[in-house]
N, C-alpha and C. Protein backbone atom coordinates (compact mmCIF):
# COMPACT_ATOMS: atom_id res chain seq x y z
N MET A 1 120.36 179.74 35.01
CA MET A 1 119.68 178.54 34.77
C MET A 1 120.57 177.31 34.96
N ALA A 2 121.74 177.40 34.38
CA ALA A 2 122.66 176.29 34.54
C ALA A 2 123.02 176.13 36.00
N LYS A 3 123.07 177.28 36.67
CA LYS A 3 123.34 177.18 38.10
C LYS A 3 122.15 176.56 38.78
N ASP A 4 120.97 176.92 38.35
CA ASP A 4 119.75 176.36 38.91
C ASP A 4 119.69 174.86 38.69
N VAL A 5 120.06 174.48 37.49
CA VAL A 5 120.00 173.06 37.15
C VAL A 5 121.05 172.32 37.97
N GLY A 6 122.18 172.86 38.07
CA GLY A 6 123.26 172.22 38.86
C GLY A 6 122.87 172.13 40.32
N ALA A 7 122.25 173.23 40.85
CA ALA A 7 121.83 173.22 42.25
C ALA A 7 120.72 172.20 42.45
N ARG A 8 119.79 172.17 41.50
CA ARG A 8 118.69 171.20 41.62
C ARG A 8 119.24 169.79 41.54
N LEU A 9 120.20 169.60 40.62
CA LEU A 9 120.78 168.27 40.47
C LEU A 9 121.51 167.87 41.75
N ARG A 10 122.26 168.78 42.32
CA ARG A 10 122.94 168.50 43.59
C ARG A 10 121.94 168.19 44.68
N GLU A 11 120.89 168.99 44.70
CA GLU A 11 119.86 168.80 45.71
C GLU A 11 119.21 167.43 45.53
N ALA A 12 118.92 167.01 44.30
CA ALA A 12 118.31 165.72 44.02
C ALA A 12 119.27 164.60 44.42
N LEU A 13 120.57 164.79 44.10
CA LEU A 13 121.57 163.77 44.48
C LEU A 13 121.68 163.65 46.00
N LYS A 14 121.65 164.78 46.69
CA LYS A 14 121.70 164.76 48.16
C LYS A 14 120.48 164.01 48.70
N MET A 15 119.29 164.27 48.12
CA MET A 15 118.08 163.59 48.58
C MET A 15 118.19 162.08 48.35
N GLN A 16 118.70 161.71 47.15
CA GLN A 16 118.82 160.29 46.85
C GLN A 16 119.86 159.64 47.77
N LEU A 17 120.94 160.39 48.00
CA LEU A 17 121.97 159.90 48.91
C LEU A 17 121.39 159.73 50.31
N SER A 18 120.59 160.66 50.72
CA SER A 18 119.94 160.60 52.03
C SER A 18 118.99 159.39 52.08
N ILE A 19 118.24 159.18 51.00
CA ILE A 19 117.32 158.03 50.94
C ILE A 19 118.12 156.73 50.99
N ILE A 20 119.22 156.68 50.25
CA ILE A 20 120.08 155.48 50.25
C ILE A 20 120.60 155.23 51.66
N HIS A 21 121.07 156.30 52.34
CA HIS A 21 121.56 156.15 53.71
C HIS A 21 120.44 155.65 54.62
N GLU A 22 119.24 156.19 54.44
CA GLU A 22 118.10 155.75 55.27
C GLU A 22 117.81 154.28 55.02
N ARG A 23 117.85 153.89 53.73
CA ARG A 23 117.60 152.48 53.41
C ARG A 23 118.68 151.58 54.01
N ILE A 24 119.92 152.03 53.89
CA ILE A 24 121.03 151.26 54.48
C ILE A 24 120.83 151.16 55.99
N GLU A 25 120.50 152.27 56.59
CA GLU A 25 120.25 152.29 58.04
C GLU A 25 119.07 151.40 58.39
N ALA A 26 118.02 151.45 57.56
CA ALA A 26 116.85 150.60 57.79
C ALA A 26 117.21 149.13 57.65
N LYS A 27 118.06 148.79 56.67
CA LYS A 27 118.50 147.41 56.49
C LYS A 27 119.32 146.97 57.70
N LYS A 28 120.22 147.85 58.20
CA LYS A 28 121.01 147.52 59.39
C LYS A 28 120.09 147.25 60.57
N ILE A 29 119.10 148.14 60.73
CA ILE A 29 118.15 147.96 61.85
C ILE A 29 117.37 146.67 61.68
N ALA A 30 116.94 146.40 60.44
CA ALA A 30 116.18 145.18 60.16
C ALA A 30 117.04 143.95 60.45
N LYS A 31 118.33 144.00 60.03
CA LYS A 31 119.24 142.88 60.30
C LYS A 31 119.42 142.67 61.80
N MET A 32 119.58 143.79 62.52
CA MET A 32 119.74 143.68 63.99
C MET A 32 118.46 143.10 64.62
N ALA A 33 117.32 143.59 64.11
CA ALA A 33 116.05 143.09 64.65
C ALA A 33 115.90 141.60 64.33
N LEU A 34 116.25 141.23 63.10
CA LEU A 34 116.18 139.83 62.71
C LEU A 34 117.11 138.97 63.56
N ALA A 35 118.32 139.46 63.81
CA ALA A 35 119.27 138.74 64.66
C ALA A 35 118.71 138.60 66.07
N GLU A 36 118.09 139.67 66.55
CA GLU A 36 117.51 139.63 67.90
C GLU A 36 116.36 138.61 67.95
N VAL A 37 115.51 138.62 66.91
CA VAL A 37 114.41 137.65 66.84
C VAL A 37 114.95 136.23 66.80
N ARG A 38 115.96 136.00 65.97
CA ARG A 38 116.58 134.67 65.90
C ARG A 38 117.17 134.27 67.24
N ASN A 39 117.80 135.22 67.91
CA ASN A 39 118.38 134.97 69.23
C ASN A 39 117.28 134.58 70.23
N ILE A 40 116.18 135.32 70.20
CA ILE A 40 115.05 135.02 71.10
C ILE A 40 114.48 133.64 70.80
N LEU A 41 114.30 133.35 69.48
CA LEU A 41 113.78 132.03 69.09
C LEU A 41 114.72 130.90 69.52
N ALA A 42 116.02 131.14 69.39
CA ALA A 42 117.01 130.13 69.80
C ALA A 42 116.93 129.90 71.31
N LYS A 43 116.80 130.99 72.06
CA LYS A 43 116.68 130.84 73.52
C LYS A 43 115.41 130.09 73.89
N GLU A 44 114.31 130.43 73.19
CA GLU A 44 113.05 129.73 73.46
C GLU A 44 113.17 128.25 73.13
N GLU A 45 113.83 127.94 72.02
CA GLU A 45 114.04 126.54 71.63
C GLU A 45 114.91 125.82 72.67
N GLU A 46 115.94 126.53 73.13
CA GLU A 46 116.81 125.96 74.16
C GLU A 46 116.03 125.70 75.44
N GLU A 47 115.21 126.66 75.84
CA GLU A 47 114.37 126.49 77.03
C GLU A 47 113.41 125.33 76.86
N LYS A 48 112.85 125.22 75.64
CA LYS A 48 111.92 124.13 75.36
C LYS A 48 112.63 122.78 75.50
N LEU A 49 113.86 122.71 74.95
CA LEU A 49 114.64 121.48 75.06
C LEU A 49 114.98 121.16 76.52
N MET A 50 115.34 122.20 77.27
CA MET A 50 115.66 122.01 78.69
C MET A 50 114.42 121.53 79.44
N ASP A 51 113.26 122.15 79.15
CA ASP A 51 112.02 121.71 79.79
C ASP A 51 111.71 120.25 79.44
N GLN A 52 111.93 119.91 78.18
CA GLN A 52 111.69 118.54 77.74
C GLN A 52 112.62 117.57 78.46
N LYS A 53 113.91 117.96 78.56
CA LYS A 53 114.87 117.10 79.28
C LYS A 53 114.49 116.98 80.75
N ARG A 54 114.08 118.10 81.37
CA ARG A 54 113.65 118.06 82.77
C ARG A 54 112.47 117.11 82.93
N GLU A 55 111.51 117.23 82.00
CA GLU A 55 110.32 116.39 82.06
C GLU A 55 110.69 114.92 81.88
N GLU A 56 111.59 114.64 80.95
CA GLU A 56 112.04 113.26 80.74
C GLU A 56 112.76 112.74 81.99
N THR A 57 113.61 113.58 82.57
CA THR A 57 114.33 113.19 83.78
C THR A 57 113.34 112.93 84.92
N ARG A 58 112.36 113.82 85.05
CA ARG A 58 111.35 113.66 86.09
C ARG A 58 110.57 112.36 85.87
N ALA A 59 110.20 112.08 84.61
CA ALA A 59 109.45 110.86 84.29
C ALA A 59 110.28 109.61 84.60
N LYS A 60 111.57 109.66 84.24
CA LYS A 60 112.45 108.52 84.54
C LYS A 60 112.60 108.33 86.03
N ALA A 61 112.70 109.43 86.76
CA ALA A 61 112.81 109.33 88.22
C ALA A 61 111.55 108.70 88.79
N TRP A 62 110.38 109.12 88.30
CA TRP A 62 109.12 108.52 88.78
C TRP A 62 109.06 107.03 88.44
N GLU A 63 109.53 106.68 87.25
CA GLU A 63 109.55 105.27 86.87
C GLU A 63 110.44 104.47 87.82
N ARG A 64 111.61 105.04 88.14
CA ARG A 64 112.52 104.34 89.07
C ARG A 64 111.88 104.21 90.44
N VAL A 65 111.24 105.29 90.90
CA VAL A 65 110.58 105.26 92.21
C VAL A 65 109.46 104.22 92.20
N GLU A 66 108.65 104.23 91.14
CA GLU A 66 107.56 103.26 91.05
C GLU A 66 108.10 101.83 91.01
N ALA A 67 109.18 101.62 90.26
CA ALA A 67 109.78 100.28 90.18
C ALA A 67 110.30 99.86 91.55
N ARG A 68 110.94 100.80 92.26
CA ARG A 68 111.46 100.50 93.59
C ARG A 68 110.32 100.18 94.55
N LEU A 69 109.25 100.98 94.49
CA LEU A 69 108.10 100.72 95.36
C LEU A 69 107.45 99.38 95.03
N LYS A 70 107.36 99.07 93.75
CA LYS A 70 106.77 97.79 93.34
C LYS A 70 107.63 96.65 93.88
N GLU A 71 108.94 96.77 93.77
CA GLU A 71 109.85 95.74 94.28
C GLU A 71 109.70 95.61 95.80
N GLU A 72 109.60 96.75 96.48
CA GLU A 72 109.42 96.71 97.94
C GLU A 72 108.09 96.06 98.29
N ASP A 73 107.04 96.38 97.53
CA ASP A 73 105.74 95.75 97.76
C ASP A 73 105.83 94.24 97.58
N MET A 74 106.52 93.83 96.51
CA MET A 74 106.67 92.40 96.27
C MET A 74 107.48 91.74 97.39
N SER A 75 108.49 92.45 97.85
CA SER A 75 109.31 91.93 98.94
C SER A 75 108.47 91.78 100.22
N VAL A 76 107.66 92.80 100.49
CA VAL A 76 106.79 92.75 101.67
C VAL A 76 105.80 91.60 101.54
N GLU A 77 105.24 91.42 100.33
CA GLU A 77 104.31 90.32 100.11
C GLU A 77 104.99 88.98 100.32
N ARG A 78 106.24 88.84 99.82
CA ARG A 78 106.97 87.59 100.02
C ARG A 78 107.20 87.35 101.51
N GLU A 79 107.60 88.41 102.23
CA GLU A 79 107.82 88.28 103.66
C GLU A 79 106.53 87.88 104.39
N MET A 80 105.41 88.49 103.96
CA MET A 80 104.13 88.16 104.58
C MET A 80 103.77 86.70 104.31
N GLU A 81 104.02 86.23 103.08
CA GLU A 81 103.74 84.83 102.75
C GLU A 81 104.60 83.91 103.60
N LYS A 82 105.88 84.26 103.75
CA LYS A 82 106.76 83.46 104.59
C LYS A 82 106.26 83.45 106.03
N ALA A 83 105.84 84.62 106.52
CA ALA A 83 105.34 84.71 107.90
C ALA A 83 104.08 83.87 108.05
N LYS A 84 103.20 83.92 107.04
CA LYS A 84 101.97 83.11 107.09
C LYS A 84 102.32 81.63 107.10
N GLU A 85 103.28 81.25 106.26
CA GLU A 85 103.70 79.85 106.22
C GLU A 85 104.29 79.42 107.56
N ARG A 86 105.12 80.30 108.16
CA ARG A 86 105.69 79.96 109.47
C ARG A 86 104.60 79.83 110.53
N ALA A 87 103.64 80.76 110.50
CA ALA A 87 102.54 80.72 111.47
C ALA A 87 101.72 79.46 111.28
N LYS A 88 101.45 79.09 110.03
CA LYS A 88 100.67 77.87 109.76
C LYS A 88 101.45 76.65 110.25
N LYS A 89 102.76 76.63 109.97
CA LYS A 89 103.58 75.50 110.41
C LYS A 89 103.59 75.42 111.94
N GLU A 90 103.72 76.59 112.59
CA GLU A 90 103.70 76.59 114.06
C GLU A 90 102.35 76.10 114.58
N ARG A 91 101.25 76.54 113.95
CA ARG A 91 99.92 76.06 114.37
C ARG A 91 99.80 74.56 114.15
N ASP A 92 100.28 74.10 112.99
CA ASP A 92 100.23 72.67 112.70
C ASP A 92 101.06 71.89 113.71
N ASP A 93 102.27 72.40 114.01
CA ASP A 93 103.13 71.75 115.00
C ASP A 93 102.45 71.73 116.37
N LEU A 94 101.85 72.86 116.74
CA LEU A 94 101.16 72.95 118.02
C LEU A 94 100.00 71.98 118.07
N THR A 95 99.24 71.93 116.99
CA THR A 95 98.10 71.01 116.92
C THR A 95 98.59 69.57 117.02
N GLU A 96 99.68 69.28 116.31
CA GLU A 96 100.24 67.93 116.36
C GLU A 96 100.71 67.58 117.77
N ARG A 97 101.38 68.55 118.41
CA ARG A 97 101.84 68.31 119.80
C ARG A 97 100.66 68.09 120.74
N GLU A 98 99.60 68.88 120.53
CA GLU A 98 98.40 68.71 121.37
C GLU A 98 97.80 67.33 121.15
N GLU A 99 97.75 66.91 119.90
CA GLU A 99 97.20 65.58 119.60
C GLU A 99 98.05 64.50 120.25
N VAL A 100 99.38 64.66 120.18
CA VAL A 100 100.29 63.68 120.81
C VAL A 100 100.06 63.67 122.33
N ARG A 101 99.92 64.87 122.92
CA ARG A 101 99.67 64.94 124.37
C ARG A 101 98.37 64.26 124.73
N LYS A 102 97.32 64.52 123.93
CA LYS A 102 96.03 63.88 124.19
C LYS A 102 96.15 62.37 124.07
N GLN A 103 96.86 61.93 123.02
CA GLN A 103 97.03 60.50 122.81
C GLN A 103 97.82 59.89 123.97
N ASN A 104 98.90 60.60 124.39
CA ASN A 104 99.69 60.11 125.52
C ASN A 104 98.85 60.08 126.79
N LYS A 105 98.03 61.11 126.97
CA LYS A 105 97.17 61.16 128.15
C LYS A 105 96.18 60.01 128.11
N GLU A 106 95.59 59.78 126.94
CA GLU A 106 94.64 58.66 126.81
C GLU A 106 95.33 57.33 127.07
N GLU A 107 96.56 57.21 126.52
CA GLU A 107 97.33 55.97 126.74
C GLU A 107 97.66 55.82 128.22
N ASP A 108 98.04 56.94 128.86
CA ASP A 108 98.34 56.88 130.28
C ASP A 108 97.11 56.49 131.08
N GLU A 109 95.97 57.11 130.74
CA GLU A 109 94.72 56.77 131.43
C GLU A 109 94.35 55.32 131.18
N TRP A 110 94.51 54.87 129.95
CA TRP A 110 94.21 53.48 129.63
C TRP A 110 95.12 52.55 130.41
N GLY A 111 96.43 52.96 130.46
CA GLY A 111 97.40 52.16 131.23
C GLY A 111 97.05 52.15 132.71
N GLU A 112 96.65 53.31 133.25
CA GLU A 112 96.27 53.36 134.66
C GLU A 112 95.03 52.52 134.92
N ASN A 113 94.06 52.62 134.03
CA ASN A 113 92.85 51.79 134.16
C ASN A 113 93.19 50.32 134.10
N LEU A 114 94.11 49.95 133.19
CA LEU A 114 94.53 48.56 133.07
C LEU A 114 95.22 48.11 134.34
N GLU A 115 96.07 48.99 134.89
CA GLU A 115 96.76 48.65 136.14
C GLU A 115 95.75 48.47 137.28
N ARG A 116 94.79 49.38 137.36
CA ARG A 116 93.76 49.24 138.40
C ARG A 116 93.00 47.95 138.24
N GLU A 117 92.63 47.65 137.00
CA GLU A 117 91.90 46.41 136.75
C GLU A 117 92.75 45.22 137.12
N ASN A 118 94.04 45.28 136.79
CA ASN A 118 94.94 44.18 137.15
C ASN A 118 95.04 44.04 138.66
N LYS A 119 95.14 45.20 139.35
CA LYS A 119 95.22 45.16 140.81
C LYS A 119 93.95 44.58 141.40
N VAL A 120 92.83 45.02 140.84
CA VAL A 120 91.54 44.51 141.33
C VAL A 120 91.46 43.03 141.05
N SER A 121 91.85 42.62 139.85
CA SER A 121 91.82 41.21 139.51
C SER A 121 92.76 40.44 140.41
N MET A 122 93.92 41.00 140.65
CA MET A 122 94.90 40.31 141.50
C MET A 122 94.39 40.22 142.93
N SER A 123 93.77 41.30 143.37
CA SER A 123 93.27 41.24 144.74
C SER A 123 92.11 40.27 144.84
N LYS A 124 91.28 40.16 143.79
CA LYS A 124 90.20 39.17 143.78
C LYS A 124 90.77 37.78 143.78
N VAL A 125 91.81 37.58 142.97
CA VAL A 125 92.45 36.26 142.92
C VAL A 125 93.08 35.96 144.27
N ALA A 126 93.69 36.96 144.84
CA ALA A 126 94.35 36.75 146.13
C ALA A 126 93.30 36.47 147.20
N SER A 127 92.19 37.23 147.15
CA SER A 127 91.17 36.97 148.16
C SER A 127 90.49 35.64 147.92
N LYS A 128 90.34 35.20 146.71
CA LYS A 128 89.78 33.88 146.44
C LYS A 128 90.73 32.82 146.93
N GLY A 129 91.99 33.02 146.66
CA GLY A 129 92.99 32.06 147.12
C GLY A 129 93.04 32.04 148.63
N HIS A 130 92.90 33.15 149.24
CA HIS A 130 92.93 33.25 150.69
C HIS A 130 91.66 32.63 151.28
N SER A 131 90.53 32.84 150.64
CA SER A 131 89.30 32.23 151.13
C SER A 131 89.31 30.74 150.89
N LYS A 132 89.94 30.25 149.84
CA LYS A 132 90.04 28.82 149.60
C LYS A 132 90.92 28.19 150.66
N SER A 133 91.99 28.84 151.03
CA SER A 133 92.84 28.25 152.05
C SER A 133 92.13 28.26 153.38
N LYS A 134 91.24 29.21 153.64
CA LYS A 134 90.47 29.21 154.88
C LYS A 134 89.48 28.07 154.84
N LYS A 135 88.89 27.84 153.70
CA LYS A 135 87.94 26.77 153.56
C LYS A 135 88.66 25.45 153.73
N LYS A 136 89.85 25.31 153.16
CA LYS A 136 90.62 24.09 153.29
C LYS A 136 90.98 23.88 154.76
N SER A 137 91.39 24.94 155.42
CA SER A 137 91.78 24.80 156.79
C SER A 137 90.58 24.51 157.66
N SER A 138 89.43 25.06 157.33
CA SER A 138 88.25 24.74 158.14
C SER A 138 87.80 23.32 157.85
N LYS A 139 87.96 22.79 156.68
CA LYS A 139 87.61 21.42 156.36
C LYS A 139 88.56 20.47 157.06
N SER A 140 89.79 20.79 157.10
CA SER A 140 90.73 19.88 157.73
C SER A 140 90.58 19.90 159.24
N SER A 141 90.08 20.90 159.84
CA SER A 141 89.90 20.92 161.27
C SER A 141 88.65 20.18 161.65
N VAL A 142 87.77 19.98 160.78
CA VAL A 142 86.54 19.28 161.08
C VAL A 142 86.81 17.85 161.17
């Protein structure tokens, strides 16, 4: 009986020792699993941060591109305004030159007409003077 009790006691101690070892082993496995889960979560967090940084970088790049395009658009608009102003000035200058040419042409025509009238008047005066001298000469011969 005492041997039975001792054997049973040993057997019970072995079982408890085995259970303790299993629990220790289970705790080790649980710790490893927990470490692995934490590692995975840390990697996911790191990836999330990297994605966020990439997205921020991409957004900043788009902002810079948009700002550059806006500046280029404004520059093109300024150039177009300058070109329009130059074209308007050239048209105005051309119109002014045309007006001056027309005025000069009118003045030239007026001057030519005046010269013709003067020549006609002079020739009338000359022919009157010439006819008067003929009349005088015909009177004196009579």
